């Protein structure tokens, strides 16, 4: 009998159909397939890294010729240099980059760099910034709306938390949750002499506005605190570069990741050379930072997206999907309970729930399960994503599956809501 090993993980990657764990076998363009022969319209896309599509032939044609050059060299290659040149070509000359695999690594590296330069190890966190120790330490549910009772709940409260490295009084972690600038300034007045960096997850702009974020950056700089913009979700998907390294924001360091290489693991810290030159002293890169497969994929992805106006195409796909989904919601009379909202010009989307459903995690999860049973994979409590190959969707079939999914969800929903469905939507 063949041995079957269970794969252990954080729980994020659990998907079930008819009570059985799904194992995926392969992908093709906008679809993924499991070992039981089922196919799914994929709006999870590996939690964001897939930007073009699975096994896209044009991408494969661009990527494959690079393989003859090898996989890893003793040091960085000309391909790393070429990628930075192309990525940053239309930005100011003093910008350069540091290579990592995951954006979690890049964020942690940026924090260490800021701590070294400011001589202060405290951190302010505004948003989800990855799975490393800094994320585990007193993290809240950052993707929840501001008025959700779940948002301020500290995660991972158990004895297992003892397995995480401690954070002492000299290395405090603060959460700026409410976007109240007065509260932020009070925090800085009291603790600014211990705080070396504030990390802002770009997704938090979904809950506030640019003016408040800009003023928060100015406040931090007033107290000699460096600011890191985490554009893991948006760099390469919403904008070619992200927005933190434009003149719009006075950022110190910017993190790119996720969609840069159509699924291959690569992330970068982008910043001025006079800051990044200290990376050698702080020892924040490792062996596989110079691996070349991801660079090949990143070069192929950048070329594909520029040739095909990929960012604009993905935005238009997202807006069409949002219209179809919300039309189905309205026709079934569910518009007072849920709404699909486009995020960042439609490149992502989130399902917003009415106030009475915000704390009902089972009911919210049941919507995702209903969609899965009808061959649609989305996320809940986290933005879902679009890729270029969603242009191949059969929109009429997709619309039918959305309606069927919502009808199934209503069977679960009705005993909870009764006939009182006139409530205000939470953001």
Protein backbone atom coordinates (compact mmCIF):
# COMPACT_ATOMS: atom_id res chain seq x y z
CA UNK A 1 0.00 0.00 0.00
CA UNK A 2 1.30 3.44 -0.92
CA UNK A 3 2.15 5.61 2.04
CA UNK A 4 -0.02 8.71 2.47
CA UNK A 5 1.54 11.40 4.61
CA UNK A 6 -0.64 14.12 6.05
CA UNK A 7 0.66 17.62 5.33
CA UNK A 8 0.66 19.80 8.43
CA UNK A 9 0.34 23.56 8.16
CA UNK A 10 -1.17 26.66 9.77
CA UNK A 11 -4.74 25.87 8.71
CA UNK A 12 -4.92 28.51 5.98
CA UNK A 13 -4.73 25.87 3.27
CA UNK A 14 -7.59 23.62 4.37
CA UNK A 15 -10.20 23.09 1.66
CA UNK A 16 -12.91 20.43 1.92
CA UNK A 17 -15.53 19.08 -0.45
CA UNK A 18 -18.23 16.74 0.85
CA UNK A 19 -16.25 16.47 4.08
CA UNK A 20 -13.09 15.31 2.31
CA UNK A 21 -9.88 17.33 2.17
CA UNK A 22 -9.12 18.61 -1.33
CA UNK A 23 -5.74 17.86 -2.86
CA UNK A 24 -5.06 19.87 -6.00
CA UNK A 25 -3.41 18.16 -8.95
CA UNK A 26 -2.83 20.83 -11.61
CA UNK A 27 -3.97 24.15 -13.02
CA UNK A 28 -4.81 25.45 -16.46
CA UNK A 29 -5.28 29.18 -17.04
CA UNK A 30 -8.09 30.34 -14.67
CA UNK A 31 -8.96 26.82 -13.49
CA UNK A 32 -7.47 24.41 -10.94
CA UNK A 33 -8.22 20.69 -10.67
CA UNK A 34 -8.24 18.29 -7.73
CA UNK A 35 -7.32 14.61 -7.51
CA UNK A 36 -11.01 13.64 -7.74
CA UNK A 37 -11.34 15.23 -11.19
CA UNK A 38 -13.25 18.34 -10.06
CA UNK A 39 -12.37 21.70 -11.54
CA UNK A 40 -12.71 25.12 -9.90
CA UNK A 41 -12.77 28.72 -11.03
CA UNK A 42 -9.81 29.93 -9.01
CA UNK A 43 -10.11 33.32 -7.31
CA UNK A 44 -7.60 32.41 -4.60
CA UNK A 45 -4.64 32.11 -6.98
CA UNK A 46 -2.28 30.76 -4.34
CA UNK A 47 -3.40 33.63 -2.02
CA UNK A 48 -2.37 36.17 -4.65
CA UNK A 49 0.89 35.18 -6.37
CA UNK A 50 -0.68 33.97 -9.64
CA UNK A 51 -1.19 37.13 -11.72
CA UNK A 52 -1.29 35.79 -15.30
CA UNK A 53 -2.79 32.32 -14.90
CA UNK A 54 -1.89 28.68 -14.39
CA UNK A 55 0.18 27.21 -17.21
CA UNK A 56 -0.37 30.19 -19.51
CA UNK A 57 1.35 29.26 -22.82
CA UNK A 58 2.63 32.77 -23.56
CA UNK A 59 4.18 33.00 -20.10
CA UNK A 60 5.75 29.54 -20.47
CA UNK A 61 7.23 30.53 -23.83
CA UNK A 62 8.88 33.58 -22.26
CA UNK A 63 10.10 31.73 -19.16
CA UNK A 64 11.48 28.46 -20.56
CA UNK A 65 14.51 29.78 -22.53
CA UNK A 66 16.02 31.22 -19.34
CA UNK A 67 16.45 27.73 -17.85
CA UNK A 68 19.58 27.04 -19.89
CA UNK A 69 21.44 29.57 -17.70
CA UNK A 70 21.20 27.50 -14.51
CA UNK A 71 19.31 27.80 -11.25
CA UNK A 72 21.68 29.33 -8.70
CA UNK A 73 25.12 30.92 -8.91
CA UNK A 74 27.76 31.62 -6.23
CA UNK A 75 26.49 35.19 -6.12
CA UNK A 76 23.83 37.33 -7.75
CA UNK A 77 23.45 37.06 -11.51
CA UNK A 78 23.05 39.49 -14.39
CA UNK A 79 19.37 38.46 -14.42
CA UNK A 80 18.84 39.99 -10.97
CA UNK A 81 20.45 43.19 -12.19
CA UNK A 82 18.36 43.16 -15.39
CA UNK A 83 15.13 42.70 -13.44
CA UNK A 84 15.83 45.65 -11.14
CA UNK A 85 16.77 47.77 -14.15
CA UNK A 86 13.47 46.99 -15.90
CA UNK A 87 11.31 47.22 -12.77
CA UNK A 88 12.71 50.57 -11.62
CA UNK A 89 13.56 52.09 -15.02
CA UNK A 90 11.04 54.93 -14.82
CA UNK A 91 11.73 55.86 -11.19
CA UNK A 92 14.42 57.96 -9.51
CA UNK A 93 17.97 56.64 -9.89
CA UNK A 94 18.82 56.35 -6.20
CA UNK A 95 16.29 53.51 -5.73
CA UNK A 96 17.52 49.94 -5.63
CA UNK A 97 16.37 46.59 -4.26
CA UNK A 98 17.11 43.68 -1.93
CA UNK A 99 15.94 40.19 -2.96
CA UNK A 100 14.10 37.69 -0.73
CA UNK A 101 11.81 34.71 -1.25
CA UNK A 102 8.67 35.48 0.78
CA UNK A 103 7.38 38.92 1.66
CA UNK A 104 7.28 37.82 5.30
CA UNK A 105 11.07 37.56 5.12
CA UNK A 106 11.31 40.95 3.42
CA UNK A 107 9.17 42.64 6.09
CA UNK A 108 11.23 41.13 8.87
CA UNK A 109 14.41 42.17 7.05
CA UNK A 110 13.12 45.73 6.67
CA UNK A 111 12.26 45.88 10.37
CA UNK A 112 15.77 44.73 11.30
CA UNK A 113 17.27 47.31 8.97
CA UNK A 114 15.18 50.08 10.54
CA UNK A 115 16.05 48.89 14.06
CA UNK A 116 19.76 48.98 13.21
CA UNK A 117 19.61 52.45 11.68
CA UNK A 118 17.45 54.05 14.41
CA UNK A 119 18.94 52.05 17.33
CA UNK A 120 15.33 51.38 18.44
CA UNK A 121 13.65 47.96 18.31
CA UNK A 122 10.00 48.77 18.97
CA UNK A 123 7.44 48.43 16.15
CA UNK A 124 4.05 49.87 15.27
CA UNK A 125 2.00 47.55 13.11
CA UNK A 126 -0.89 48.70 10.91
CA UNK A 127 -2.16 45.67 9.03
CA UNK A 128 -1.15 42.08 8.38
CA UNK A 129 2.60 41.92 7.83
CA UNK A 130 3.41 38.23 7.48
CA UNK A 131 3.75 35.09 9.53
CA UNK A 132 7.08 35.64 11.30
CA UNK A 133 7.36 36.32 15.03
CA UNK A 134 6.34 39.92 14.64
CA UNK A 135 3.00 38.79 13.21
CA UNK A 136 2.28 36.22 15.90
CA UNK A 137 2.96 38.64 18.76
CA UNK A 138 -0.42 40.14 19.75
CA UNK A 139 -1.78 40.32 16.20
CA UNK A 140 -5.41 41.15 15.49
CA UNK A 141 -7.66 40.19 12.56
CA UNK A 142 -6.50 42.96 10.25
CA UNK A 143 -8.74 42.05 7.29
CA UNK A 144 -11.92 42.54 9.31
CA UNK A 145 -13.90 45.81 8.89
CA UNK A 146 -13.38 48.54 11.48
CA UNK A 147 -16.80 47.88 13.03
CA UNK A 148 -16.39 44.11 13.17
CA UNK A 149 -16.27 42.69 16.72
CA UNK A 150 -13.61 40.28 15.44
CA UNK A 151 -11.12 42.94 14.35
CA UNK A 152 -9.64 43.68 17.78
CA UNK A 153 -9.44 40.08 18.95
CA UNK A 154 -5.88 39.02 19.70
CA UNK A 155 -5.08 35.92 17.68
CA UNK A 156 -3.24 32.77 18.74
CA UNK A 157 -4.13 33.09 22.43
CA UNK A 158 -3.12 29.68 23.78
CA UNK A 159 -0.35 27.91 25.64
CA UNK A 160 1.28 27.28 22.27
CA UNK A 161 2.05 30.99 22.14
CA UNK A 162 4.89 30.14 24.53
CA UNK A 163 6.65 28.69 21.49
CA UNK A 164 7.06 32.19 20.07
CA UNK A 165 10.06 34.27 21.08
CA UNK A 166 9.19 36.73 23.82
CA UNK A 167 8.90 40.46 23.25
CA UNK A 168 10.36 42.39 26.15
CA UNK A 169 9.80 45.96 27.20
CA UNK A 170 12.73 47.14 25.08
CA UNK A 171 11.14 45.60 21.95
CA UNK A 172 7.45 46.52 22.22
CA UNK A 173 4.84 45.87 19.54
CA UNK A 174 1.94 48.28 19.12
CA UNK A 175 -1.14 47.97 16.91
CA UNK A 176 -2.55 51.13 15.33
CA UNK A 177 -6.04 49.86 14.65
CA UNK A 178 -8.51 52.73 14.44
CA UNK A 179 -6.71 55.24 12.13
CA UNK A 180 -7.23 57.96 14.74
CA UNK A 181 -4.24 60.29 14.37
CA UNK A 182 -4.69 61.63 17.90
CA UNK A 183 -4.32 58.11 19.28
CA UNK A 184 -1.24 57.56 17.12
CA UNK A 185 0.39 60.77 18.32
CA UNK A 186 -0.35 59.88 21.95
CA UNK A 187 1.33 56.53 21.37
CA UNK A 188 4.35 58.21 19.81
CA UNK A 189 4.69 60.79 22.59
CA UNK A 190 4.76 58.03 25.19
CA UNK A 191 6.84 55.41 23.36
CA UNK A 192 8.57 57.10 20.43
CA UNK A 193 12.01 56.76 22.00
CA UNK A 194 11.65 52.93 21.80
CA UNK A 195 10.04 52.62 18.33
CA UNK A 196 12.23 52.19 15.27
CA UNK A 197 9.63 51.48 12.57
CA UNK A 198 5.98 51.50 11.63
CA UNK A 199 4.83 48.93 9.07
CA UNK A 200 1.71 49.81 7.06
CA UNK A 201 -0.07 47.09 5.09
CA UNK A 202 -1.35 48.77 1.92
CA UNK A 203 -4.64 46.87 2.23
CA UNK A 204 -5.53 49.08 5.20
CA UNK A 205 -6.24 51.87 2.69
CA UNK A 206 -9.46 49.92 2.05
CA UNK A 207 -10.60 51.02 5.54
CA UNK A 208 -9.29 54.60 5.60
CA UNK A 209 -7.95 57.22 3.16
CA UNK A 210 -4.69 58.49 1.74
CA UNK A 211 -4.75 61.73 3.76
CA UNK A 212 -4.70 59.88 7.09
CA UNK A 213 -1.93 57.52 5.93
CA UNK A 214 0.20 60.46 4.74
CA UNK A 215 -0.26 62.29 8.04
CA UNK A 216 0.64 59.15 9.99
CA UNK A 217 3.91 58.94 8.04
CA UNK A 218 4.71 62.57 8.83
CA UNK A 219 4.03 61.91 12.52
CA UNK A 220 6.39 58.96 12.56
CA UNK A 221 9.17 60.91 10.88
CA UNK A 222 8.69 63.68 13.46
CA UNK A 223 9.64 61.12 16.14
CA UNK A 224 12.52 59.71 14.03
CA UNK A 225 10.64 56.52 13.26
CA UNK A 226 11.16 54.90 9.85
CA UNK A 227 8.09 53.83 7.84
CA UNK A 228 7.78 50.62 5.83
CA UNK A 229 5.02 50.30 3.25
CA UNK A 230 4.05 46.65 2.78
CA UNK A 231 2.71 46.40 -0.79
CA UNK A 232 2.84 42.61 -0.91
CA UNK A 233 -0.72 42.42 -2.24
CA UNK A 234 -0.58 45.35 -4.64
CA UNK A 235 2.89 45.72 -6.16
CA UNK A 236 2.75 44.34 -9.70
CA UNK A 237 -1.00 43.70 -9.49
CA UNK A 238 -2.60 47.09 -8.85
CA UNK A 239 0.37 49.19 -9.93
CA UNK A 240 3.63 48.27 -11.63
CA UNK A 241 5.63 49.61 -8.68
CA UNK A 242 3.10 50.16 -5.94
CA UNK A 243 2.48 53.64 -4.62
CA UNK A 244 4.94 53.89 -1.73
CA UNK A 245 7.98 54.66 -3.86
CA UNK A 246 6.32 57.42 -5.87
CA UNK A 247 6.53 61.05 -4.83
CA UNK A 248 3.01 60.67 -3.40
CA UNK A 249 4.32 59.22 -0.14
CA UNK A 250 7.52 59.93 1.75
CA UNK A 251 8.31 56.28 2.45
CA UNK A 252 11.59 54.89 3.76
CA UNK A 253 11.23 51.28 2.55
CA UNK A 254 8.66 49.46 0.38
CA UNK A 255 7.98 45.72 0.24
CA UNK A 256 6.96 43.97 -2.99
CA UNK A 257 5.94 40.32 -3.27
CA UNK A 258 3.09 37.97 -4.21
CA UNK A 259 2.35 38.56 -7.91
CA UNK A 260 5.77 39.62 -9.20
CA UNK A 261 6.59 36.22 -10.72
CA UNK A 262 3.23 34.54 -11.51
CA UNK A 263 3.51 32.12 -8.62
CA UNK A 264 7.25 31.77 -8.11
CA UNK A 265 8.53 32.93 -4.70
CA UNK A 266 10.18 36.33 -4.86
CA UNK A 267 9.95 39.52 -2.83
CA UNK A 268 11.93 42.73 -2.61
CA UNK A 269 12.73 45.59 -0.29
CA UNK A 270 12.88 48.74 -2.38
CA UNK A 271 14.51 51.86 -1.02
CA UNK A 272 17.23 54.43 -1.48
CA UNK A 273 20.73 53.09 -1.86
CA UNK A 274 21.94 55.05 1.17
CA UNK A 275 19.66 52.85 3.34
CA UNK A 276 19.94 49.48 1.64
CA UNK A 277 23.74 49.57 1.65
CA UNK A 278 23.56 48.61 5.34
CA UNK A 279 21.93 45.24 4.53
CA UNK A 280 25.32 43.51 4.61
CA UNK A 281 26.00 44.70 8.13
CA UNK A 282 22.56 43.61 9.34
CA UNK A 283 22.86 40.18 7.63
CA UNK A 284 19.30 40.05 6.32
CA UNK A 285 19.61 37.95 3.16
CA UNK A 286 20.38 34.26 2.76
CA UNK A 287 21.34 31.48 0.38
CA UNK A 288 18.20 31.39 -1.71
CA UNK A 289 17.89 35.15 -2.05
CA UNK A 290 20.04 34.75 -5.17
CA UNK A 291 18.14 31.79 -6.68
CA UNK A 292 17.39 32.42 -10.36
CA UNK A 293 14.19 30.49 -11.21
CA UNK A 294 12.08 33.16 -9.57
CA UNK A 295 13.97 35.91 -11.38
CA UNK A 296 13.29 34.19 -14.72
CA UNK A 297 9.60 34.04 -13.82
CA UNK A 298 9.64 37.67 -12.71
CA UNK A 299 11.24 38.80 -15.98
CA UNK A 300 8.69 36.80 -18.00
CA UNK A 301 5.81 38.16 -15.90
CA UNK A 302 6.92 41.78 -16.22
CA UNK A 303 7.30 41.43 -19.98
CA UNK A 304 3.91 39.70 -20.34
CA UNK A 305 2.07 42.27 -18.24
CA UNK A 306 3.57 45.21 -20.14
CA UNK A 307 2.89 43.70 -23.58
CA UNK A 308 -0.72 42.82 -22.73
CA UNK A 309 -1.68 45.82 -20.57
CA UNK A 310 -2.19 43.24 -17.85
CA UNK A 311 -2.96 45.54 -14.93
CA UNK A 312 -5.70 47.35 -16.85
CA UNK A 313 -7.10 44.03 -18.13
CA UNK A 314 -7.32 42.54 -14.65
CA UNK A 315 -9.08 45.66 -13.37
CA UNK A 316 -11.73 45.42 -16.10
CA UNK A 317 -12.28 41.71 -15.37
CA UNK A 318 -12.77 42.50 -11.69
CA UNK A 319 -15.34 45.19 -12.36
CA UNK A 320 -17.33 42.83 -14.59
CA UNK A 321 -17.24 40.07 -11.98
CA UNK A 322 -18.39 42.49 -9.28
CA UNK A 323 -21.37 43.59 -11.39
CA UNK A 324 -22.47 40.01 -12.13
CA UNK A 325 -22.09 38.87 -8.53
CA UNK A 326 -23.97 41.84 -7.05
CA UNK A 327 -26.76 41.55 -9.64
CA UNK A 328 -27.31 37.97 -8.45
CA UNK A 329 -27.30 39.15 -4.83
CA UNK A 330 -29.89 41.81 -5.62
CA UNK A 331 -32.18 39.46 -7.56
CA UNK A 332 -32.28 37.06 -4.62
CA UNK A 333 -33.03 39.84 -2.14
CA UNK A 334 -29.76 39.42 -0.26
CA UNK A 335 -28.47 42.95 -0.84
CA UNK A 336 -29.15 44.01 2.77
CA UNK A 337 -26.94 41.18 4.04
CA UNK A 338 -23.96 40.88 1.72
CA UNK A 339 -22.22 42.79 -1.04
CA UNK A 340 -19.18 42.09 -3.15
CA UNK A 341 -16.87 45.09 -3.08
CA UNK A 342 -14.02 45.70 -5.54
CA UNK A 343 -10.65 46.44 -3.95
CA UNK A 344 -8.01 48.65 -5.60
CA UNK A 345 -9.64 49.27 -8.99
CA UNK A 346 -11.12 45.76 -9.13
CA UNK A 347 -7.88 43.78 -9.08
CA UNK A 348 -9.17 42.12 -5.89
CA UNK A 349 -12.51 41.78 -4.18
CA UNK A 350 -13.92 41.32 -0.70
CA UNK A 351 -17.30 40.05 0.47
CA UNK A 352 -18.81 42.53 2.92
CA UNK A 353 -21.37 41.32 5.44
CA UNK A 354 -24.11 43.19 7.29
CA UNK A 355 -23.46 44.14 10.90
CA UNK A 356 -25.59 41.28 12.22
CA UNK A 357 -23.42 38.74 10.37
CA UNK A 358 -19.97 40.10 11.16
CA UNK A 359 -19.49 37.90 14.22
CA UNK A 360 -21.19 34.86 12.66
CA UNK A 361 -18.11 33.09 11.34
CA UNK A 362 -19.96 29.83 10.60
CA UNK A 363 -22.49 31.59 8.36
CA UNK A 364 -19.78 33.59 6.63
CA UNK A 365 -17.81 30.40 6.07
CA UNK A 366 -20.91 28.65 4.75
CA UNK A 367 -21.04 31.11 1.85
CA UNK A 368 -17.50 30.16 0.84
CA UNK A 369 -18.38 26.46 1.12
CA UNK A 370 -21.50 26.90 -1.01
CA UNK A 371 -19.45 28.56 -3.74
CA UNK A 372 -16.84 25.80 -3.52
CA UNK A 373 -19.51 23.13 -4.00
CA UNK A 374 -20.41 24.94 -7.23
CA UNK A 375 -16.79 25.05 -8.42
CA UNK A 376 -15.90 28.58 -7.33
CA UNK A 377 -12.95 29.16 -4.98
CA UNK A 378 -12.88 32.44 -3.04
CA UNK A 379 -11.57 33.61 0.34
CA UNK A 380 -13.49 35.03 3.27
CA UNK A 381 -11.94 37.35 5.82
CA UNK A 382 -9.24 38.00 3.22
CA UNK A 383 -9.38 39.62 -0.23
CA UNK A 384 -9.73 37.30 -3.22
CA UNK A 385 -7.87 37.88 -6.48
CA UNK A 386 -8.19 38.10 -10.26
CA UNK A 387 -5.66 37.09 -12.89
CA UNK A 388 -5.26 37.87 -16.59
CA UNK A 389 -6.64 34.46 -17.64
CA UNK A 390 -9.97 35.16 -15.97
CA UNK A 391 -10.68 36.78 -19.34
CA UNK A 392 -11.44 33.20 -20.45
CA UNK A 393 -14.35 32.83 -18.02
CA UNK A 394 -17.68 31.67 -19.42
CA UNK A 395 -19.63 34.49 -17.80
CA UNK A 396 -23.08 32.98 -18.34
CA UNK A 397 -22.06 29.68 -16.71
CA UNK A 398 -20.34 31.54 -13.88
CA UNK A 399 -23.45 33.62 -13.28
CA UNK A 400 -25.57 30.46 -13.00
CA UNK A 401 -23.15 28.93 -10.50
CA UNK A 402 -23.16 32.10 -8.39
CA UNK A 403 -26.96 32.06 -8.24
CA UNK A 404 -27.03 28.37 -7.30
CA UNK A 405 -24.43 28.97 -4.60
CA UNK A 406 -26.36 31.88 -3.12
CA UNK A 407 -29.59 29.86 -3.14
CA UNK A 408 -27.89 27.07 -1.21
CA UNK A 409 -26.48 29.59 1.26
CA UNK A 410 -29.97 31.02 1.82
CA UNK A 411 -31.11 27.64 3.15
CA UNK A 412 -28.51 27.95 5.89
CA UNK A 413 -29.11 31.66 6.34
CA UNK A 414 -32.91 31.68 6.73
CA UNK A 415 -33.13 29.99 10.16
CA UNK A 416 -30.69 32.58 11.48
CA UNK A 417 -32.14 35.76 9.97
CA UNK A 418 -35.81 34.83 9.75
CA UNK A 419 -37.54 37.48 7.70
CA UNK A 420 -35.66 40.42 9.21
CA UNK A 421 -33.21 41.17 6.42
CA UNK A 422 -33.36 44.97 6.46
CA UNK A 423 -30.09 45.90 8.17
CA UNK A 424 -27.16 48.19 7.48
CA UNK A 425 -24.20 46.81 5.62
CA UNK A 426 -20.90 46.78 7.47
CA UNK A 427 -17.91 47.90 5.46
